[in-house]
């Protein structure tokens, strides 16, 4: 599926106005494969991401620490807006390598197994489908690695934080609060 059709189907899912497409007969991708990868306008943000300072460890990133102007510059306002809407409209979102049905790295698999063991619904976005999305998410979250977990619209952490908080019980509390919110 080309980028224009993918963006159009994602726009519809996120509630945006549909784009005009010359390939209107192409059906949208299956929902389990739907990602925001085609929203990345270019790979121009890779340089900015590599030169940006990224915090070493954080549990929850406040929106003000995400360097909004750099995020918008790297991702473009459409992509940033779509990601903002996606993470706030889903209680648990994991930006990962692969998806929950087929994780493509051990850390991503660990996070998936934690959430599956908790029997909670969660969405995944495969960052391997688009280098621009992958690079942009590092700036968006101010976190250098994947997976990246968002609870109730806020960045929570990566695999190590998920495992630590799962072990000490605070992840269950955070998920319970997110599911009620």
N, C-alpha and C. Protein backbone atom coordinates (compact mmCIF):
# COMPACT_ATOMS: atom_id res chain seq x y z
N UNK A 1 0.86 -1.18 0.00
CA UNK A 1 0.00 0.00 0.00
C UNK A 1 0.90 1.22 0.00
N UNK A 2 0.55 2.19 -0.83
CA UNK A 2 1.38 3.38 -0.90
C UNK A 2 1.08 4.32 0.28
N UNK A 3 1.96 5.28 0.45
CA UNK A 3 1.91 6.18 1.59
C UNK A 3 0.61 6.98 1.66
N UNK A 4 0.13 7.44 0.51
CA UNK A 4 -1.09 8.26 0.49
C UNK A 4 -2.30 7.47 0.96
N UNK A 5 -2.45 6.22 0.50
CA UNK A 5 -3.57 5.39 0.92
C UNK A 5 -3.47 5.04 2.40
N UNK A 6 -2.25 4.76 2.84
CA UNK A 6 -2.07 4.42 4.25
C UNK A 6 -2.46 5.61 5.13
N UNK A 7 -1.97 6.80 4.77
CA UNK A 7 -2.28 7.99 5.55
C UNK A 7 -3.78 8.25 5.57
N UNK A 8 -4.43 8.04 4.43
CA UNK A 8 -5.87 8.24 4.33
C UNK A 8 -6.62 7.32 5.27
N UNK A 9 -6.25 6.04 5.30
CA UNK A 9 -6.96 5.10 6.18
C UNK A 9 -6.67 5.40 7.64
N UNK A 10 -5.44 5.80 7.95
CA UNK A 10 -5.12 6.16 9.33
C UNK A 10 -5.85 7.43 9.73
N UNK A 11 -5.92 8.38 8.82
CA UNK A 11 -6.64 9.62 9.11
C UNK A 11 -8.08 9.34 9.46
N UNK A 12 -8.71 8.43 8.72
CA UNK A 12 -10.09 8.06 9.01
C UNK A 12 -10.21 7.43 10.38
N UNK A 13 -9.28 6.54 10.73
CA UNK A 13 -9.31 5.88 12.04
C UNK A 13 -9.13 6.89 13.17
N UNK A 14 -8.29 7.90 12.94
CA UNK A 14 -8.02 8.90 13.97
C UNK A 14 -9.04 10.05 13.95
N UNK A 15 -9.96 10.03 12.99
CA UNK A 15 -11.00 11.03 12.95
C UNK A 15 -10.67 12.28 12.16
N UNK A 16 -9.62 12.25 11.34
CA UNK A 16 -9.28 13.38 10.49
C UNK A 16 -10.10 13.32 9.22
N UNK A 17 -10.14 14.43 8.50
CA UNK A 17 -10.80 14.44 7.19
C UNK A 17 -10.03 13.54 6.26
N UNK A 18 -10.73 12.75 5.45
CA UNK A 18 -10.00 11.88 4.53
C UNK A 18 -9.27 12.69 3.47
N UNK A 19 -8.14 12.18 3.05
CA UNK A 19 -7.36 12.82 1.99
C UNK A 19 -7.93 12.40 0.65
N UNK A 20 -7.77 13.25 -0.35
CA UNK A 20 -8.15 12.88 -1.70
C UNK A 20 -7.08 11.96 -2.24
N UNK A 21 -7.50 10.84 -2.78
CA UNK A 21 -6.55 9.84 -3.24
C UNK A 21 -6.86 9.42 -4.66
N UNK A 22 -5.82 9.25 -5.44
CA UNK A 22 -6.02 8.75 -6.79
C UNK A 22 -6.17 7.23 -6.78
N UNK A 23 -5.98 6.61 -5.63
CA UNK A 23 -6.08 5.16 -5.49
C UNK A 23 -7.22 4.81 -4.56
N UNK A 24 -8.37 5.39 -4.76
CA UNK A 24 -9.50 5.22 -3.86
C UNK A 24 -9.99 3.79 -3.77
N UNK A 25 -9.68 2.95 -4.75
CA UNK A 25 -10.17 1.58 -4.72
C UNK A 25 -9.34 0.67 -3.81
N UNK A 26 -8.17 1.12 -3.35
CA UNK A 26 -7.34 0.30 -2.48
C UNK A 26 -7.97 0.24 -1.10
N UNK A 27 -8.22 -0.97 -0.59
CA UNK A 27 -8.84 -1.08 0.73
C UNK A 27 -7.85 -0.71 1.83
N UNK A 28 -8.34 -0.27 2.98
CA UNK A 28 -7.44 0.05 4.08
C UNK A 28 -6.77 -1.23 4.59
N UNK A 29 -5.61 -1.09 5.25
CA UNK A 29 -4.92 -2.28 5.76
C UNK A 29 -5.72 -2.88 6.91
N UNK A 30 -5.49 -4.16 7.22
CA UNK A 30 -6.15 -4.74 8.38
C UNK A 30 -5.80 -3.95 9.62
N UNK A 31 -6.73 -3.80 10.56
CA UNK A 31 -6.51 -2.94 11.72
C UNK A 31 -5.35 -3.40 12.58
N UNK A 32 -5.07 -4.70 12.63
CA UNK A 32 -3.96 -5.16 13.45
C UNK A 32 -2.61 -4.77 12.86
N UNK A 33 -2.56 -4.38 11.58
CA UNK A 33 -1.32 -3.97 10.95
C UNK A 33 -1.22 -2.46 10.82
N UNK A 34 -2.26 -1.74 11.24
CA UNK A 34 -2.28 -0.30 11.06
C UNK A 34 -1.27 0.37 12.00
N UNK A 35 -0.39 1.18 11.42
CA UNK A 35 0.57 1.95 12.20
C UNK A 35 0.54 3.38 11.69
N UNK A 36 1.30 4.23 12.33
CA UNK A 36 1.39 5.62 11.91
C UNK A 36 2.64 5.86 11.08
N UNK A 37 3.24 4.81 10.57
CA UNK A 37 4.51 4.93 9.87
C UNK A 37 4.45 5.86 8.67
N UNK A 38 3.39 5.83 7.92
CA UNK A 38 3.34 6.64 6.71
C UNK A 38 3.16 8.12 6.99
N UNK A 39 2.94 8.48 8.25
CA UNK A 39 2.81 9.88 8.58
C UNK A 39 4.14 10.62 8.58
N UNK A 40 5.22 9.90 8.66
CA UNK A 40 6.54 10.54 8.69
C UNK A 40 6.80 11.25 7.37
N UNK A 41 6.94 12.58 7.39
CA UNK A 41 7.10 13.32 6.15
C UNK A 41 8.45 13.10 5.49
N UNK A 42 9.47 12.82 6.27
CA UNK A 42 10.78 12.61 5.66
C UNK A 42 11.72 12.08 6.71
N UNK A 43 12.92 11.77 6.29
CA UNK A 43 13.94 11.33 7.22
C UNK A 43 14.79 12.50 7.71
N UNK A 44 14.38 13.73 7.43
CA UNK A 44 15.17 14.89 7.79
C UNK A 44 15.34 15.04 9.30
N UNK A 45 14.46 14.41 10.06
CA UNK A 45 14.57 14.57 11.51
C UNK A 45 15.64 13.67 12.11
N UNK A 46 16.18 12.72 11.36
CA UNK A 46 17.16 11.80 11.91
C UNK A 46 18.37 12.55 12.45
N UNK A 47 18.88 13.52 11.69
CA UNK A 47 20.03 14.30 12.14
C UNK A 47 19.71 15.05 13.44
N UNK A 48 18.54 15.68 13.49
CA UNK A 48 18.15 16.42 14.69
C UNK A 48 18.00 15.50 15.88
N UNK A 49 17.50 14.30 15.66
CA UNK A 49 17.33 13.34 16.75
C UNK A 49 18.69 12.92 17.28
N UNK A 50 19.60 12.62 16.37
CA UNK A 50 20.92 12.16 16.80
C UNK A 50 21.69 13.23 17.57
N UNK A 51 21.44 14.50 17.25
CA UNK A 51 22.16 15.57 17.92
C UNK A 51 21.45 16.08 19.17
N UNK A 52 20.22 15.63 19.40
CA UNK A 52 19.44 16.10 20.55
C UNK A 52 19.86 15.37 21.82
N UNK A 53 19.78 16.07 22.94
CA UNK A 53 20.04 15.45 24.23
C UNK A 53 18.82 14.63 24.61
N UNK A 54 19.05 13.38 25.01
CA UNK A 54 17.96 12.50 25.40
C UNK A 54 18.20 12.10 26.85
N UNK A 55 17.15 12.21 27.67
CA UNK A 55 17.30 11.88 29.08
C UNK A 55 17.62 10.40 29.25
N UNK A 56 18.39 10.07 30.27
CA UNK A 56 18.85 8.71 30.44
C UNK A 56 17.79 7.79 31.02
N UNK A 57 16.91 8.28 31.87
CA UNK A 57 15.90 7.42 32.46
C UNK A 57 14.83 8.29 33.07
N UNK A 58 13.61 8.01 32.74
CA UNK A 58 12.49 8.77 33.27
C UNK A 58 11.31 7.84 33.39
N UNK A 59 10.45 8.12 34.33
CA UNK A 59 9.27 7.29 34.47
C UNK A 59 8.10 7.89 33.71
N UNK A 60 7.87 9.15 33.91
CA UNK A 60 6.81 9.83 33.19
C UNK A 60 7.38 11.14 32.67
N UNK A 61 7.22 11.37 31.39
CA UNK A 61 7.71 12.59 30.77
C UNK A 61 6.56 13.58 30.67
N UNK A 62 6.73 14.73 31.26
CA UNK A 62 5.72 15.78 31.15
C UNK A 62 5.79 16.36 29.75
N UNK A 63 4.67 16.82 29.21
CA UNK A 63 4.68 17.37 27.85
C UNK A 63 5.71 18.46 27.65
N UNK A 64 5.99 19.27 28.67
CA UNK A 64 6.93 20.37 28.51
C UNK A 64 8.36 19.88 28.32
N UNK A 65 8.68 18.64 28.73
CA UNK A 65 10.03 18.12 28.56
C UNK A 65 10.24 17.51 27.19
N UNK A 66 9.21 17.49 26.36
CA UNK A 66 9.32 16.87 25.05
C UNK A 66 9.87 17.82 23.99
N UNK A 67 10.29 19.02 24.38
CA UNK A 67 10.82 20.01 23.46
C UNK A 67 9.90 20.18 22.26
N UNK A 68 8.71 20.78 22.48
CA UNK A 68 7.68 20.84 21.43
C UNK A 68 8.16 21.36 20.09
N UNK A 69 8.99 22.40 20.08
CA UNK A 69 9.41 22.94 18.78
C UNK A 69 10.29 21.95 18.03
N UNK A 70 11.17 21.25 18.72
CA UNK A 70 12.01 20.25 18.06
C UNK A 70 11.16 19.07 17.60
N UNK A 71 10.19 18.67 18.41
CA UNK A 71 9.31 17.57 18.03
C UNK A 71 8.55 17.92 16.77
N UNK A 72 7.95 19.11 16.75
CA UNK A 72 7.18 19.53 15.58
C UNK A 72 8.09 19.65 14.36
N UNK A 73 9.29 20.20 14.53
CA UNK A 73 10.23 20.33 13.42
C UNK A 73 10.61 18.96 12.87
N UNK A 74 10.91 18.02 13.74
CA UNK A 74 11.37 16.70 13.30
C UNK A 74 10.25 15.86 12.70
N UNK A 75 9.08 15.94 13.26
CA UNK A 75 7.99 15.06 12.85
C UNK A 75 7.02 15.73 11.91
N UNK A 76 6.94 17.01 11.95
CA UNK A 76 5.90 17.71 11.20
C UNK A 76 4.66 17.79 12.06
N UNK A 77 3.89 18.86 11.92
CA UNK A 77 2.73 19.04 12.78
C UNK A 77 1.65 17.97 12.58
N UNK A 78 1.51 17.42 11.37
CA UNK A 78 0.50 16.40 11.15
C UNK A 78 0.82 15.13 11.91
N UNK A 79 2.08 14.70 11.82
CA UNK A 79 2.48 13.47 12.50
C UNK A 79 2.42 13.64 14.01
N UNK A 80 2.92 14.78 14.50
CA UNK A 80 2.88 15.02 15.94
C UNK A 80 1.43 15.03 16.44
N UNK A 81 0.57 15.70 15.70
CA UNK A 81 -0.84 15.76 16.08
C UNK A 81 -1.50 14.39 16.07
N UNK A 82 -1.17 13.58 15.05
CA UNK A 82 -1.74 12.23 14.97
C UNK A 82 -1.26 11.36 16.12
N UNK A 83 0.02 11.48 16.45
CA UNK A 83 0.56 10.69 17.57
C UNK A 83 -0.06 11.16 18.88
N UNK A 84 -0.14 12.47 19.08
CA UNK A 84 -0.79 13.01 20.29
C UNK A 84 -2.19 12.42 20.43
N UNK A 85 -2.94 12.46 19.34
CA UNK A 85 -4.32 11.96 19.38
C UNK A 85 -4.36 10.45 19.63
N UNK A 86 -3.45 9.71 18.98
CA UNK A 86 -3.42 8.26 19.13
C UNK A 86 -3.10 7.85 20.56
N UNK A 87 -2.07 8.47 21.17
CA UNK A 87 -1.70 8.06 22.52
C UNK A 87 -2.71 8.53 23.56
N UNK A 88 -3.44 9.60 23.28
CA UNK A 88 -4.45 10.05 24.25
C UNK A 88 -5.79 9.34 24.07
N UNK A 89 -6.02 8.75 22.89
CA UNK A 89 -7.29 8.05 22.68
C UNK A 89 -7.20 6.57 23.00
N UNK A 90 -6.05 6.09 23.38
CA UNK A 90 -5.86 4.69 23.79
C UNK A 90 -5.23 4.68 25.17
N UNK A 91 -5.71 3.82 26.03
CA UNK A 91 -5.23 3.79 27.42
C UNK A 91 -3.78 3.33 27.52
N UNK A 92 -3.41 2.32 26.71
CA UNK A 92 -2.04 1.81 26.72
C UNK A 92 -1.57 1.68 25.28
N UNK A 93 -0.45 2.33 24.97
CA UNK A 93 0.13 2.26 23.63
C UNK A 93 1.61 1.89 23.77
N UNK A 94 2.04 0.93 22.96
CA UNK A 94 3.44 0.52 22.95
C UNK A 94 3.99 0.76 21.55
N UNK A 95 4.96 1.66 21.44
CA UNK A 95 5.71 1.84 20.20
C UNK A 95 6.86 0.85 20.29
N UNK A 96 6.88 -0.10 19.37
CA UNK A 96 7.79 -1.24 19.53
C UNK A 96 8.28 -1.76 18.18
N UNK A 97 9.20 -2.69 18.25
CA UNK A 97 9.68 -3.38 17.05
C UNK A 97 8.77 -4.59 16.86
N UNK A 98 7.96 -4.52 15.79
CA UNK A 98 6.97 -5.56 15.55
C UNK A 98 5.62 -5.13 16.12
N UNK A 99 4.76 -6.11 16.37
CA UNK A 99 3.46 -5.81 16.97
C UNK A 99 3.16 -6.85 18.04
N UNK A 100 2.03 -6.70 18.71
CA UNK A 100 1.77 -7.60 19.84
C UNK A 100 1.61 -9.05 19.41
N UNK A 101 1.26 -9.28 18.15
CA UNK A 101 1.14 -10.65 17.66
C UNK A 101 2.46 -11.22 17.17
N UNK A 102 3.40 -10.35 16.85
CA UNK A 102 4.70 -10.79 16.34
C UNK A 102 5.79 -9.80 16.73
N UNK A 103 6.18 -9.77 18.02
CA UNK A 103 7.28 -8.87 18.43
C UNK A 103 8.56 -9.27 17.71
N UNK A 104 9.37 -8.24 17.37
CA UNK A 104 10.59 -8.50 16.62
C UNK A 104 11.86 -8.20 17.40
N UNK A 105 11.74 -8.09 18.71
CA UNK A 105 12.94 -8.00 19.56
C UNK A 105 12.56 -8.49 20.95
N UNK A 106 13.53 -8.89 21.71
CA UNK A 106 13.29 -9.45 23.03
C UNK A 106 12.68 -8.45 24.00
N UNK A 107 13.12 -7.19 23.95
CA UNK A 107 12.57 -6.18 24.86
C UNK A 107 11.10 -5.91 24.55
N UNK A 108 10.79 -5.81 23.26
CA UNK A 108 9.39 -5.61 22.85
C UNK A 108 8.55 -6.81 23.29
N UNK A 109 9.07 -8.01 23.10
CA UNK A 109 8.36 -9.22 23.51
C UNK A 109 8.11 -9.22 25.01
N UNK A 110 9.08 -8.79 25.79
CA UNK A 110 8.92 -8.74 27.25
C UNK A 110 7.77 -7.82 27.64
N UNK A 111 7.71 -6.63 27.05
CA UNK A 111 6.64 -5.68 27.36
C UNK A 111 5.29 -6.27 26.96
N UNK A 112 5.22 -6.88 25.79
CA UNK A 112 3.97 -7.50 25.34
C UNK A 112 3.54 -8.58 26.33
N UNK A 113 4.47 -9.42 26.75
CA UNK A 113 4.12 -10.50 27.68
C UNK A 113 3.65 -9.95 29.03
N UNK A 114 4.24 -8.86 29.48
CA UNK A 114 3.79 -8.24 30.74
C UNK A 114 2.34 -7.80 30.62
N UNK A 115 2.02 -7.06 29.55
CA UNK A 115 0.64 -6.57 29.39
C UNK A 115 -0.34 -7.72 29.14
N UNK A 116 0.08 -8.73 28.40
CA UNK A 116 -0.80 -9.89 28.19
C UNK A 116 -1.05 -10.61 29.51
N UNK A 117 -0.02 -10.72 30.36
CA UNK A 117 -0.20 -11.39 31.65
C UNK A 117 -1.14 -10.60 32.57
N UNK A 118 -1.18 -9.28 32.36
CA UNK A 118 -2.08 -8.44 33.16
C UNK A 118 -3.49 -8.45 32.58
N UNK A 119 -3.67 -9.04 31.40
CA UNK A 119 -4.96 -9.14 30.73
C UNK A 119 -5.62 -7.78 30.55
N UNK A 120 -4.82 -6.84 30.01
CA UNK A 120 -5.34 -5.50 29.72
C UNK A 120 -5.24 -5.24 28.23
N UNK A 121 -6.18 -4.48 27.68
CA UNK A 121 -6.10 -4.15 26.26
C UNK A 121 -5.01 -3.10 26.01
N UNK A 122 -4.28 -3.28 24.92
CA UNK A 122 -3.25 -2.30 24.58
C UNK A 122 -3.05 -2.30 23.07
N UNK A 123 -2.60 -1.16 22.57
CA UNK A 123 -2.33 -0.99 21.15
C UNK A 123 -0.82 -0.98 20.94
N UNK A 124 -0.41 -1.44 19.76
CA UNK A 124 1.01 -1.40 19.42
C UNK A 124 1.18 -0.69 18.08
N UNK A 125 2.34 -0.05 17.93
CA UNK A 125 2.72 0.60 16.68
C UNK A 125 4.11 0.08 16.33
N UNK A 126 4.25 -0.49 15.12
CA UNK A 126 5.52 -1.04 14.67
C UNK A 126 6.41 0.08 14.12
N UNK A 127 7.44 0.42 14.86
CA UNK A 127 8.32 1.52 14.46
C UNK A 127 9.32 1.09 13.38
N UNK A 128 9.42 -0.20 13.11
CA UNK A 128 10.34 -0.67 12.08
C UNK A 128 9.82 -0.41 10.67
N UNK A 129 8.54 -0.07 10.55
CA UNK A 129 7.97 0.16 9.24
C UNK A 129 8.36 1.51 8.65
N UNK A 130 8.88 2.43 9.48
CA UNK A 130 9.25 3.74 8.96
C UNK A 130 10.36 4.35 9.81
N UNK A 131 11.51 4.61 9.19
CA UNK A 131 12.65 5.18 9.92
C UNK A 131 12.34 6.58 10.44
N UNK A 132 11.53 7.34 9.71
CA UNK A 132 11.16 8.69 10.18
C UNK A 132 10.35 8.64 11.46
N UNK A 133 9.41 7.71 11.53
CA UNK A 133 8.63 7.53 12.76
C UNK A 133 9.52 7.09 13.89
N UNK A 134 10.40 6.13 13.61
CA UNK A 134 11.30 5.60 14.63
C UNK A 134 12.18 6.72 15.20
N UNK A 135 12.77 7.52 14.33
CA UNK A 135 13.63 8.61 14.78
C UNK A 135 12.81 9.70 15.48
N UNK A 136 11.66 10.02 14.93
CA UNK A 136 10.82 11.05 15.52
C UNK A 136 10.31 10.68 16.91
N UNK A 137 10.01 9.41 17.13
CA UNK A 137 9.52 8.98 18.44
C UNK A 137 10.58 9.15 19.53
N UNK A 138 11.84 9.08 19.16
CA UNK A 138 12.91 9.29 20.14
C UNK A 138 12.88 10.73 20.65
N UNK A 139 12.55 11.67 19.79
CA UNK A 139 12.43 13.07 20.19
C UNK A 139 11.11 13.29 20.91
N UNK A 140 10.04 12.73 20.37
CA UNK A 140 8.70 12.91 20.94
C UNK A 140 8.67 12.49 22.42
N UNK A 141 9.27 11.34 22.71
CA UNK A 141 9.24 10.82 24.08
C UNK A 141 10.44 11.26 24.91
N UNK A 142 11.46 11.79 24.26
CA UNK A 142 12.73 12.09 24.92
C UNK A 142 13.32 10.81 25.51
N UNK A 143 13.20 9.73 24.76
CA UNK A 143 13.65 8.40 25.20
C UNK A 143 14.38 7.75 24.04
N UNK A 144 15.60 7.22 24.24
CA UNK A 144 16.41 6.78 23.11
C UNK A 144 16.13 5.38 22.56
N UNK A 145 15.38 4.57 23.28
CA UNK A 145 15.24 3.18 22.88
C UNK A 145 13.77 2.77 22.76
N UNK A 146 13.58 1.58 22.20
CA UNK A 146 12.25 0.99 22.07
C UNK A 146 12.27 -0.36 22.75
N UNK A 147 11.14 -0.74 23.31
CA UNK A 147 9.80 -0.17 23.21
C UNK A 147 9.64 1.08 24.07
N UNK A 148 8.61 1.87 23.72
CA UNK A 148 8.21 3.04 24.49
C UNK A 148 6.74 2.85 24.85
N UNK A 149 6.45 2.96 26.13
CA UNK A 149 5.09 2.70 26.61
C UNK A 149 4.44 4.00 27.06
N UNK A 150 3.20 4.20 26.61
CA UNK A 150 2.39 5.35 27.01
C UNK A 150 1.17 4.84 27.77
N UNK A 151 0.95 5.39 28.94
CA UNK A 151 -0.24 5.07 29.73
C UNK A 151 -1.09 6.32 29.83
N UNK A 152 -2.32 6.21 29.40
CA UNK A 152 -3.29 7.31 29.48
C UNK A 152 -2.73 8.61 28.89
N UNK A 153 -2.02 8.48 27.76
CA UNK A 153 -1.52 9.65 27.06
C UNK A 153 -0.17 10.17 27.50
N UNK A 154 0.40 9.59 28.54
CA UNK A 154 1.70 10.05 29.04
C UNK A 154 2.76 8.98 28.86
N UNK A 155 3.96 9.40 28.50
CA UNK A 155 5.07 8.46 28.38
C UNK A 155 5.37 7.88 29.76
N UNK A 156 5.49 6.55 29.81
CA UNK A 156 5.75 5.86 31.08
C UNK A 156 7.18 5.36 31.16
N UNK A 157 7.68 4.77 30.09
CA UNK A 157 9.05 4.28 30.10
C UNK A 157 9.25 3.18 29.09
N UNK A 158 10.41 2.53 29.20
CA UNK A 158 10.77 1.44 28.32
C UNK A 158 10.66 0.10 29.02
N UNK A 159 11.29 -0.90 28.45
CA UNK A 159 11.20 -2.25 28.97
C UNK A 159 11.67 -2.37 30.42
N UNK A 160 12.81 -1.77 30.72
CA UNK A 160 13.34 -1.90 32.09
C UNK A 160 12.38 -1.32 33.12
N UNK A 161 11.77 -0.21 32.81
CA UNK A 161 10.83 0.41 33.74
C UNK A 161 9.56 -0.41 33.84
N UNK A 162 9.09 -0.95 32.73
CA UNK A 162 7.91 -1.81 32.77
C UNK A 162 8.17 -3.02 33.66
N UNK A 163 9.31 -3.67 33.48
CA UNK A 163 9.65 -4.85 34.29
C UNK A 163 9.78 -4.48 35.76
N UNK A 164 10.52 -3.41 36.06
CA UNK A 164 10.70 -2.99 37.47
C UNK A 164 9.37 -2.66 38.14
N UNK A 165 8.52 -1.91 37.44
CA UNK A 165 7.25 -1.51 38.04
C UNK A 165 6.26 -2.67 38.09
N UNK A 166 6.39 -3.62 37.18
CA UNK A 166 5.56 -4.83 37.24
C UNK A 166 5.93 -5.63 38.49
N UNK A 167 7.23 -5.77 38.73
CA UNK A 167 7.71 -6.54 39.88
C UNK A 167 7.30 -5.90 41.20
N UNK A 168 7.36 -4.56 41.29
CA UNK A 168 7.04 -3.91 42.56
C UNK A 168 5.56 -3.57 42.72
N UNK A 169 4.75 -3.88 41.70
CA UNK A 169 3.31 -3.67 41.79
C UNK A 169 2.82 -2.30 41.36
N UNK A 170 3.74 -1.37 41.12
CA UNK A 170 3.30 -0.02 40.76
C UNK A 170 2.78 0.07 39.33
N UNK A 171 3.16 -0.87 38.46
CA UNK A 171 2.61 -0.87 37.11
C UNK A 171 1.12 -1.19 37.15
N UNK A 172 0.73 -2.15 37.96
CA UNK A 172 -0.68 -2.50 38.08
C UNK A 172 -1.47 -1.29 38.55
N UNK A 173 -0.94 -0.57 39.52
CA UNK A 173 -1.62 0.64 40.01
C UNK A 173 -1.73 1.67 38.90
N UNK A 174 -0.66 1.91 38.16
CA UNK A 174 -0.67 2.89 37.08
C UNK A 174 -1.65 2.49 35.97
N UNK A 175 -1.68 1.20 35.64
CA UNK A 175 -2.61 0.71 34.61
C UNK A 175 -4.04 0.85 35.10
N UNK A 176 -4.29 0.51 36.37
CA UNK A 176 -5.65 0.65 36.92
C UNK A 176 -6.12 2.09 36.84
N UNK A 177 -5.26 3.03 37.19
CA UNK A 177 -5.60 4.46 37.12
C UNK A 177 -5.86 4.85 35.66
N UNK A 178 -5.01 4.39 34.75
CA UNK A 178 -5.18 4.72 33.33
C UNK A 178 -6.49 4.16 32.79
N UNK A 179 -6.85 2.95 33.17
CA UNK A 179 -8.07 2.35 32.67
C UNK A 179 -9.32 3.05 33.22
N UNK A 180 -9.21 3.65 34.38
CA UNK A 180 -10.34 4.38 34.96
C UNK A 180 -10.48 5.77 34.37
N UNK A 181 -9.35 6.35 33.90
CA UNK A 181 -9.32 7.73 33.41
C UNK A 181 -10.04 7.98 32.13
